[in-house]
Amino acid sequence: LYNKYIGNGDSPAQVRDGLLDALGDVFFVFSSIEVAKFHRDAGNPVYFYEFQHRPSEVEGVLPDYVKADHGAEIAFVFGKPFLAGDV
């Protein structure tokens, strides 16, 4: 597992990115795959995606290595007014 996520991690940034990938897989990806399998086995269509678009609102707020946080796609799926309470 170490080689998969960190490998030769020559710089602190590479080690950080590897650890973030590992934690993301543990907390989000693995359980999402399990749920998707249950839905598939029940005969339902399943679609799986990874959202990585960096919202423009996070410039200067989040570090550059952060792509998209958990839930960042909500504004893109439902529209910004949904999040602003304008619905």
PDB file of N, CA and C in Angstrom:
ATOM      1  N   LEU A   1       0.825  -1.197   0.000  1.00  0.00           N
ATOM      2  CA  LEU A   1       0.000   0.000   0.000  1.00  0.00           C
ATOM      3  C   LEU A   1       0.864   1.254   0.000  1.00  0.00           C
ATOM      4  N   TYR A   2       1.941   1.192   0.748  1.00  0.00           N
ATOM      5  CA  TYR A   2       2.839   2.340   0.807  1.00  0.00           C
ATOM      6  C   TYR A   2       3.346   2.682  -0.589  1.00  0.00           C
ATOM      7  N   ASN A   3       3.771   1.660  -1.334  1.00  0.00           N
ATOM      8  CA  ASN A   3       4.296   1.905  -2.681  1.00  0.00           C
ATOM      9  C   ASN A   3       3.226   2.446  -3.614  1.00  0.00           C
ATOM     10  N   LYS A   4       1.982   1.987  -3.444  1.00  0.00           N
ATOM     11  CA  LYS A   4       0.913   2.470  -4.312  1.00  0.00           C
ATOM     12  C   LYS A   4       0.630   3.949  -4.092  1.00  0.00           C
ATOM     13  N   TYR A   5       0.562   4.366  -2.854  1.00  0.00           N
ATOM     14  CA  TYR A   5       0.165   5.744  -2.558  1.00  0.00           C
ATOM     15  C   TYR A   5       1.334   6.714  -2.455  1.00  0.00           C
ATOM     16  N   ILE A   6       2.430   6.291  -1.907  1.00  0.00           N
ATOM     17  CA  ILE A   6       3.552   7.209  -1.697  1.00  0.00           C
ATOM     18  C   ILE A   6       4.731   6.897  -2.614  1.00  0.00           C
ATOM     19  N   GLY A   7       4.978   5.628  -2.861  1.00  0.00           N
ATOM     20  CA  GLY A   7       6.051   5.244  -3.772  1.00  0.00           C
ATOM     21  C   GLY A   7       7.389   5.789  -3.327  1.00  0.00           C
ATOM     22  N   ASN A   8       8.031   6.517  -4.222  1.00  0.00           N
ATOM     23  CA  ASN A   8       9.349   7.092  -3.925  1.00  0.00           C
ATOM     24  C   ASN A   8       9.246   8.473  -3.314  1.00  0.00           C
ATOM     25  N   GLY A   9       8.101   8.945  -2.951  1.00  0.00           N
ATOM     26  CA  GLY A   9       7.865  10.235  -2.323  1.00  0.00           C
ATOM     27  C   GLY A   9       9.107  11.053  -2.029  1.00  0.00           C
ATOM     28  N   ASP A  10       9.673  11.648  -3.060  1.00  0.00           N
ATOM     29  CA  ASP A  10      10.920  12.397  -2.917  1.00  0.00           C
ATOM     30  C   ASP A  10      10.733  13.734  -2.213  1.00  0.00           C
ATOM     31  N   SER A  11       9.545  14.269  -2.232  1.00  0.00           N
ATOM     32  CA  SER A  11       9.318  15.577  -1.624  1.00  0.00           C
ATOM     33  C   SER A  11       8.164  15.485  -0.629  1.00  0.00           C
ATOM     34  N   PRO A  12       8.125  16.412   0.301  1.00  0.00           N
ATOM     35  CA  PRO A  12       6.986  16.428   1.234  1.00  0.00           C
ATOM     36  C   PRO A  12       5.638  16.558   0.515  1.00  0.00           C
ATOM     37  N   ALA A  13       5.603  17.265  -0.606  1.00  0.00           N
ATOM     38  CA  ALA A  13       4.352  17.427  -1.354  1.00  0.00           C
ATOM     39  C   ALA A  13       3.889  16.083  -1.924  1.00  0.00           C
ATOM     40  N   GLN A  14       4.811  15.257  -2.397  1.00  0.00           N
ATOM     41  CA  GLN A  14       4.443  13.941  -2.920  1.00  0.00           C
ATOM     42  C   GLN A  14       3.915  13.036  -1.803  1.00  0.00           C
ATOM     43  N   VAL A  15       4.546  13.101  -0.645  1.00  0.00           N
ATOM     44  CA  VAL A  15       4.091  12.306   0.497  1.00  0.00           C
ATOM     45  C   VAL A  15       2.698  12.783   0.927  1.00  0.00           C
ATOM     46  N   ARG A  16       2.506  14.104   1.007  1.00  0.00           N
ATOM     47  CA  ARG A  16       1.196  14.673   1.369  1.00  0.00           C
ATOM     48  C   ARG A  16       0.117  14.214   0.397  1.00  0.00           C
ATOM     49  N   ASP A  17       0.391  14.329  -0.905  1.00  0.00           N
ATOM     50  CA  ASP A  17      -0.597  13.941  -1.906  1.00  0.00           C
ATOM     51  C   ASP A  17      -0.926  12.457  -1.822  1.00  0.00           C
ATOM     52  N   GLY A  18       0.083  11.633  -1.576  1.00  0.00           N
ATOM     53  CA  GLY A  18      -0.149  10.196  -1.428  1.00  0.00           C
ATOM     54  C   GLY A  18      -1.007   9.881  -0.218  1.00  0.00           C
ATOM     55  N   LEU A  19      -0.725  10.549   0.895  1.00  0.00           N
ATOM     56  CA  LEU A  19      -1.528  10.335   2.103  1.00  0.00           C
ATOM     57  C   LEU A  19      -2.967  10.821   1.908  1.00  0.00           C
ATOM     58  N   LEU A  20      -3.142  11.945   1.235  1.00  0.00           N
ATOM     59  CA  LEU A  20      -4.495  12.440   0.960  1.00  0.00           C
ATOM     60  C   LEU A  20      -5.263  11.476   0.061  1.00  0.00           C
ATOM     61  N   ASP A  21      -4.584  10.904  -0.936  1.00  0.00           N
ATOM     62  CA  ASP A  21      -5.230   9.912  -1.799  1.00  0.00           C
ATOM     63  C   ASP A  21      -5.636   8.685  -1.000  1.00  0.00           C
ATOM     64  N   ALA A  22      -4.751   8.214  -0.121  1.00  0.00           N
ATOM     65  CA  ALA A  22      -5.048   7.039   0.697  1.00  0.00           C
ATOM     66  C   ALA A  22      -6.241   7.304   1.615  1.00  0.00           C
ATOM     67  N   LEU A  23      -6.239   8.443   2.274  1.00  0.00           N
ATOM     68  CA  LEU A  23      -7.349   8.773   3.178  1.00  0.00           C
ATOM     69  C   LEU A  23      -8.659   8.945   2.415  1.00  0.00           C
ATOM     70  N   GLY A  24      -8.588   9.556   1.247  1.00  0.00           N
ATOM     71  CA  GLY A  24      -9.787   9.710   0.426  1.00  0.00           C
ATOM     72  C   GLY A  24     -10.361   8.371   0.019  1.00  0.00           C
ATOM     73  N   ASP A  25      -9.481   7.430  -0.338  1.00  0.00           N
ATOM     74  CA  ASP A  25      -9.950   6.093  -0.705  1.00  0.00           C
ATOM     75  C   ASP A  25     -10.600   5.407   0.488  1.00  0.00           C
ATOM     76  N   VAL A  26      -9.968   5.495   1.657  1.00  0.00           N
ATOM     77  CA  VAL A  26     -10.502   4.823   2.851  1.00  0.00           C
ATOM     78  C   VAL A  26     -11.852   5.399   3.257  1.00  0.00           C
ATOM     79  N   PHE A  27     -11.965   6.723   3.287  1.00  0.00           N
ATOM     80  CA  PHE A  27     -13.178   7.347   3.807  1.00  0.00           C
ATOM     81  C   PHE A  27     -14.301   7.511   2.791  1.00  0.00           C
ATOM     82  N   PHE A  28     -13.981   7.553   1.498  1.00  0.00           N
ATOM     83  CA  PHE A  28     -15.014   7.810   0.503  1.00  0.00           C
ATOM     84  C   PHE A  28     -15.130   6.729  -0.558  1.00  0.00           C
ATOM     85  N   VAL A  29     -14.032   6.382  -1.196  1.00  0.00           N
ATOM     86  CA  VAL A  29     -14.089   5.505  -2.366  1.00  0.00           C
ATOM     87  C   VAL A  29     -14.501   4.083  -2.014  1.00  0.00           C
ATOM     88  N   PHE A  30     -13.856   3.474  -1.034  1.00  0.00           N
ATOM     89  CA  PHE A  30     -14.146   2.074  -0.719  1.00  0.00           C
ATOM     90  C   PHE A  30     -15.613   1.863  -0.353  1.00  0.00           C
ATOM     91  N   SER A  31     -16.148   2.718   0.508  1.00  0.00           N
ATOM     92  CA  SER A  31     -17.555   2.554   0.897  1.00  0.00           C
ATOM     93  C   SER A  31     -18.494   2.867  -0.265  1.00  0.00           C
ATOM     94  N   SER A  32     -18.130   3.808  -1.113  1.00  0.00           N
ATOM     95  CA  SER A  32     -18.961   4.131  -2.277  1.00  0.00           C
ATOM     96  C   SER A  32     -19.018   2.965  -3.249  1.00  0.00           C
ATOM     97  N   ILE A  33     -17.904   2.286  -3.423  1.00  0.00           N
ATOM     98  CA  ILE A  33     -17.875   1.120  -4.310  1.00  0.00           C
ATOM     99  C   ILE A  33     -18.758   0.007  -3.746  1.00  0.00           C
ATOM    100  N   GLU A  34     -18.705  -0.196  -2.445  1.00  0.00           N
ATOM    101  CA  GLU A  34     -19.551  -1.221  -1.819  1.00  0.00           C
ATOM    102  C   GLU A  34     -21.033  -0.916  -2.036  1.00  0.00           C
ATOM    103  N   VAL A  35     -21.438   0.316  -1.823  1.00  0.00           N
ATOM    104  CA  VAL A  35     -22.841   0.696  -2.024  1.00  0.00           C
ATOM    105  C   VAL A  35     -23.225   0.533  -3.496  1.00  0.00           C
ATOM    106  N   ALA A  36     -22.332   0.923  -4.395  1.00  0.00           N
ATOM    107  CA  ALA A  36     -22.606   0.779  -5.829  1.00  0.00           C
ATOM    108  C   ALA A  36     -22.799  -0.688  -6.191  1.00  0.00           C
ATOM    109  N   LYS A  37     -22.015  -1.582  -5.602  1.00  0.00           N
ATOM    110  CA  LYS A  37     -22.171  -3.019  -5.865  1.00  0.00           C
ATOM    111  C   LYS A  37     -23.534  -3.521  -5.390  1.00  0.00           C
ATOM    112  N   PHE A  38     -23.979  -3.049  -4.222  1.00  0.00           N
ATOM    113  CA  PHE A  38     -25.292  -3.469  -3.718  1.00  0.00           C
ATOM    114  C   PHE A  38     -26.402  -3.033  -4.676  1.00  0.00           C
ATOM    115  N   HIS A  39     -26.322  -1.818  -5.162  1.00  0.00           N
ATOM    116  CA  HIS A  39     -27.323  -1.323  -6.104  1.00  0.00           C
ATOM    117  C   HIS A  39     -27.268  -2.107  -7.415  1.00  0.00           C
ATOM    118  N   ARG A  40     -26.058  -2.375  -7.899  1.00  0.00           N
ATOM    119  CA  ARG A  40     -25.894  -3.152  -9.128  1.00  0.00           C
ATOM    120  C   ARG A  40     -26.487  -4.547  -8.964  1.00  0.00           C
ATOM    121  N   ASP A  41     -26.154  -5.192  -7.842  1.00  0.00           N
ATOM    122  CA  ASP A  41     -26.648  -6.555  -7.598  1.00  0.00           C
ATOM    123  C   ASP A  41     -28.170  -6.607  -7.464  1.00  0.00           C
ATOM    124  N   ALA A  42     -28.781  -5.486  -7.102  1.00  0.00           N
ATOM    125  CA  ALA A  42     -30.240  -5.414  -7.004  1.00  0.00           C
ATOM    126  C   ALA A  42     -30.880  -5.143  -8.365  1.00  0.00           C
ATOM    127  N   GLY A  43     -30.044  -5.026  -9.405  1.00  0.00           N
ATOM    128  CA  GLY A  43     -30.561  -4.836 -10.752  1.00  0.00           C
ATOM    129  C   GLY A  43     -30.734  -3.396 -11.173  1.00  0.00           C
ATOM    130  N   ASN A  44     -30.162  -2.471 -10.419  1.00  0.00           N
ATOM    131  CA  ASN A  44     -30.291  -1.049 -10.752  1.00  0.00           C
ATOM    132  C   ASN A  44     -29.072  -0.562 -11.528  1.00  0.00           C
ATOM    133  N   PRO A  45     -29.273   0.434 -12.407  1.00  0.00           N
ATOM    134  CA  PRO A  45     -28.101   1.010 -13.076  1.00  0.00           C
ATOM    135  C   PRO A  45     -27.292   1.843 -12.077  1.00  0.00           C
ATOM    136  N   VAL A  46     -25.987   1.776 -12.201  1.00  0.00           N
ATOM    137  CA  VAL A  46     -25.096   2.483 -11.276  1.00  0.00           C
ATOM    138  C   VAL A  46     -24.134   3.338 -12.086  1.00  0.00           C
ATOM    139  N   TYR A  47     -23.949   4.569 -11.651  1.00  0.00           N
ATOM    140  CA  TYR A  47     -23.001   5.492 -12.275  1.00  0.00           C
ATOM    141  C   TYR A  47     -22.049   5.975 -11.197  1.00  0.00           C
ATOM    142  N   PHE A  48     -20.780   5.939 -11.488  1.00  0.00           N
ATOM    143  CA  PHE A  48     -19.756   6.296 -10.508  1.00  0.00           C
ATOM    144  C   PHE A  48     -18.877   7.373 -11.113  1.00  0.00           C
ATOM    145  N   TYR A  49     -18.630   8.431 -10.381  1.00  0.00           N
ATOM    146  CA  TYR A  49     -17.804   9.513 -10.894  1.00  0.00           C
ATOM    147  C   TYR A  49     -16.907  10.057  -9.790  1.00  0.00           C
ATOM    148  N   GLU A  50     -15.879  10.744 -10.208  1.00  0.00           N
ATOM    149  CA  GLU A  50     -15.000  11.455  -9.276  1.00  0.00           C
ATOM    150  C   GLU A  50     -14.953  12.904  -9.726  1.00  0.00           C
ATOM    151  N   PHE A  51     -15.448  13.771  -8.911  1.00  0.00           N
ATOM    152  CA  PHE A  51     -15.503  15.197  -9.238  1.00  0.00           C
ATOM    153  C   PHE A  51     -14.198  15.858  -8.813  1.00  0.00           C
ATOM    154  N   GLN A  52     -13.502  16.498  -9.754  1.00  0.00           N
ATOM    155  CA  GLN A  52     -12.224  17.122  -9.440  1.00  0.00           C
ATOM    156  C   GLN A  52     -12.129  18.570  -9.901  1.00  0.00           C
ATOM    157  N   HIS A  53     -13.245  19.163 -10.283  1.00  0.00           N
ATOM    158  CA  HIS A  53     -13.202  20.552 -10.740  1.00  0.00           C
ATOM    159  C   HIS A  53     -13.042  21.480  -9.535  1.00  0.00           C
ATOM    160  N   ARG A  54     -12.072  22.336  -9.600  1.00  0.00           N
ATOM    161  CA  ARG A  54     -11.813  23.268  -8.503  1.00  0.00           C
ATOM    162  C   ARG A  54     -12.704  24.498  -8.665  1.00  0.00           C
ATOM    163  N   PRO A  55     -13.643  24.726  -7.744  1.00  0.00           N
ATOM    164  CA  PRO A  55     -14.517  25.895  -7.843  1.00  0.00           C
ATOM    165  C   PRO A  55     -13.711  27.197  -7.726  1.00  0.00           C
ATOM    166  N   SER A  56     -14.099  28.205  -8.452  1.00  0.00           N
ATOM    167  CA  SER A  56     -13.364  29.474  -8.433  1.00  0.00           C
ATOM    168  C   SER A  56     -13.475  30.171  -7.076  1.00  0.00           C
ATOM    169  N   GLU A  57     -14.513  29.870  -6.308  1.00  0.00           N
ATOM    170  CA  GLU A  57     -14.695  30.515  -5.003  1.00  0.00           C
ATOM    171  C   GLU A  57     -13.610  30.148  -3.992  1.00  0.00           C
ATOM    172  N   VAL A  58     -12.892  29.063  -4.232  1.00  0.00           N
ATOM    173  CA  VAL A  58     -11.908  28.616  -3.244  1.00  0.00           C
ATOM    174  C   VAL A  58     -10.519  29.192  -3.473  1.00  0.00           C
ATOM    175  N   GLU A  59     -10.356  29.976  -4.545  1.00  0.00           N
ATOM    176  CA  GLU A  59      -9.053  30.601  -4.803  1.00  0.00           C
ATOM    177  C   GLU A  59      -8.687  31.513  -3.642  1.00  0.00           C
ATOM    178  N   GLY A  60      -7.503  31.322  -3.106  1.00  0.00           N
ATOM    179  CA  GLY A  60      -7.047  32.122  -1.990  1.00  0.00           C
ATOM    180  C   GLY A  60      -7.580  31.653  -0.644  1.00  0.00           C
ATOM    181  N   VAL A  61      -8.495  30.678  -0.659  1.00  0.00           N
ATOM    182  CA  VAL A  61      -9.069  30.150   0.577  1.00  0.00           C
ATOM    183  C   VAL A  61      -8.468  28.786   0.899  1.00  0.00           C
ATOM    184  N   LEU A  62      -8.413  27.926  -0.124  1.00  0.00           N
ATOM    185  CA  LEU A  62      -7.862  26.584   0.043  1.00  0.00           C
ATOM    186  C   LEU A  62      -6.489  26.496  -0.615  1.00  0.00           C
ATOM    187  N   PRO A  63      -5.633  25.604  -0.139  1.00  0.00           N
ATOM    188  CA  PRO A  63      -4.323  25.433  -0.775  1.00  0.00           C
ATOM    189  C   PRO A  63      -4.476  24.978  -2.223  1.00  0.00           C
ATOM    190  N   ASP A  64      -3.475  25.257  -3.050  1.00  0.00           N
ATOM    191  CA  ASP A  64      -3.531  24.932  -4.478  1.00  0.00           C
ATOM    192  C   ASP A  64      -3.677  23.438  -4.750  1.00  0.00           C
ATOM    193  N   TYR A  65      -3.196  22.593  -3.858  1.00  0.00           N
ATOM    194  CA  TYR A  65      -3.273  21.150  -4.112  1.00  0.00           C
ATOM    195  C   TYR A  65      -4.673  20.578  -3.890  1.00  0.00           C
ATOM    196  N   VAL A  66      -5.581  21.338  -3.315  1.00  0.00           N
ATOM    197  CA  VAL A  66      -6.952  20.865  -3.112  1.00  0.00           C
ATOM    198  C   VAL A  66      -7.714  21.052  -4.419  1.00  0.00           C
ATOM    199  N   LYS A  67      -8.250  19.951  -4.944  1.00  0.00           N
ATOM    200  CA  LYS A  67      -9.019  20.016  -6.188  1.00  0.00           C
ATOM    201  C   LYS A  67     -10.457  20.393  -5.856  1.00  0.00           C
ATOM    202  N   ALA A  68     -11.193  19.436  -5.320  1.00  0.00           N
ATOM    203  CA  ALA A  68     -12.580  19.691  -4.937  1.00  0.00           C
ATOM    204  C   ALA A  68     -12.844  18.968  -3.625  1.00  0.00           C
ATOM    205  N   ASP A  69     -13.449  19.643  -2.699  1.00  0.00           N
ATOM    206  CA  ASP A  69     -13.798  19.031  -1.420  1.00  0.00           C
ATOM    207  C   ASP A  69     -15.061  18.192  -1.558  1.00  0.00           C
ATOM    208  N   HIS A  70     -15.311  17.393  -0.540  1.00  0.00           N
ATOM    209  CA  HIS A  70     -16.528  16.586  -0.489  1.00  0.00           C
ATOM    210  C   HIS A  70     -17.745  17.505  -0.551  1.00  0.00           C
ATOM    211  N   GLY A  71     -18.619  17.256  -1.487  1.00  0.00           N
ATOM    212  CA  GLY A  71     -19.832  18.062  -1.641  1.00  0.00           C
ATOM    213  C   GLY A  71     -19.669  19.246  -2.570  1.00  0.00           C
ATOM    214  N   ALA A  72     -18.482  19.478  -3.107  1.00  0.00           N
ATOM    215  CA  ALA A  72     -18.259  20.641  -3.978  1.00  0.00           C
ATOM    216  C   ALA A  72     -19.086  20.571  -5.258  1.00  0.00           C
ATOM    217  N   GLU A  73     -19.477  19.369  -5.663  1.00  0.00           N
ATOM    218  CA  GLU A  73     -20.227  19.232  -6.908  1.00  0.00           C
ATOM    219  C   GLU A  73     -21.676  19.694  -6.778  1.00  0.00           C
ATOM    220  N   ILE A  74     -22.168  19.866  -5.567  1.00  0.00           N
ATOM    221  CA  ILE A  74     -23.575  20.235  -5.360  1.00  0.00           C
ATOM    222  C   ILE A  74     -23.927  21.535  -6.087  1.00  0.00           C
ATOM    223  N   ALA A  75     -23.049  22.519  -6.004  1.00  0.00           N
ATOM    224  CA  ALA A  75     -23.308  23.798  -6.686  1.00  0.00           C
ATOM    225  C   ALA A  75     -23.359  23.617  -8.198  1.00  0.00           C
ATOM    226  N   PHE A  76     -22.596  22.661  -8.725  1.00  0.00           N
ATOM    227  CA  PHE A  76     -22.568  22.436 -10.167  1.00  0.00           C
ATOM    228  C   PHE A  76     -23.753  21.588 -10.630  1.00  0.00           C
ATOM    229  N   VAL A  77     -24.231  20.701  -9.772  1.00  0.00           N
ATOM    230  CA  VAL A  77     -25.348  19.831 -10.130  1.00  0.00           C
ATOM    231  C   VAL A  77     -26.674  20.572  -9.999  1.00  0.00           C
ATOM    232  N   PHE A  78     -26.881  21.263  -8.877  1.00  0.00           N
ATOM    233  CA  PHE A  78     -28.160  21.904  -8.607  1.00  0.00           C
ATOM    234  C   PHE A  78     -28.151  23.406  -8.869  1.00  0.00           C
ATOM    235  N   GLY A  79     -26.983  23.989  -9.012  1.00  0.00           N
ATOM    236  CA  GLY A  79     -26.887  25.414  -9.266  1.00  0.00           C
ATOM    237  C   GLY A  79     -26.616  26.189  -7.990  1.00  0.00           C
ATOM    238  N   LYS A  80     -25.962  27.289  -8.121  1.00  0.00           N
ATOM    239  CA  LYS A  80     -25.580  28.108  -6.964  1.00  0.00           C
ATOM    240  C   LYS A  80     -26.772  28.633  -6.168  1.00  0.00           C
ATOM    241  N   PRO A  81     -27.871  29.029  -6.798  1.00  0.00           N
ATOM    242  CA  PRO A  81     -28.999  29.508  -5.982  1.00  0.00           C
ATOM    243  C   PRO A  81     -29.481  28.487  -4.971  1.00  0.00           C
ATOM    244  N   PHE A  82     -29.315  27.196  -5.293  1.00  0.00           N
ATOM    245  CA  PHE A  82     -29.716  26.138  -4.362  1.00  0.00           C
ATOM    246  C   PHE A  82     -28.935  26.260  -3.054  1.00  0.00           C
ATOM    247  N   LEU A  83     -27.650  26.585  -3.150  1.00  0.00           N
ATOM    248  CA  LEU A  83     -26.818  26.683  -1.957  1.00  0.00           C
ATOM    249  C   LEU A  83     -27.003  28.015  -1.232  1.00  0.00           C
ATOM    250  N   ALA A  84     -27.409  29.045  -1.957  1.00  0.00           N
ATOM    251  CA  ALA A  84     -27.538  30.366  -1.361  1.00  0.00           C
ATOM    252  C   ALA A  84     -28.874  30.549  -0.635  1.00  0.00           C
ATOM    253  N   GLY A  85     -29.739  29.555  -0.688  1.00  0.00           N
ATOM    254  CA  GLY A  85     -31.025  29.675  -0.032  1.00  0.00           C
ATOM    255  C   GLY A  85     -32.043  30.459  -0.838  1.00  0.00           C
ATOM    256  N   ASP A  86     -31.775  30.649  -2.127  1.00  0.00           N
ATOM    257  CA  ASP A  86     -32.674  31.431  -2.997  1.00  0.00           C
ATOM    258  C   ASP A  86     -33.742  30.589  -3.655  1.00  0.00           C
ATOM    259  N   VAL A  87     -33.940  29.353  -3.212  1.00  0.00           N
ATOM    260  CA  VAL A  87     -34.895  28.471  -3.876  1.00  0.00           C
ATOM    261  C   VAL A  87     -36.276  28.695  -3.296  1.00  0.00           C
TER     262      VAL A  87
END
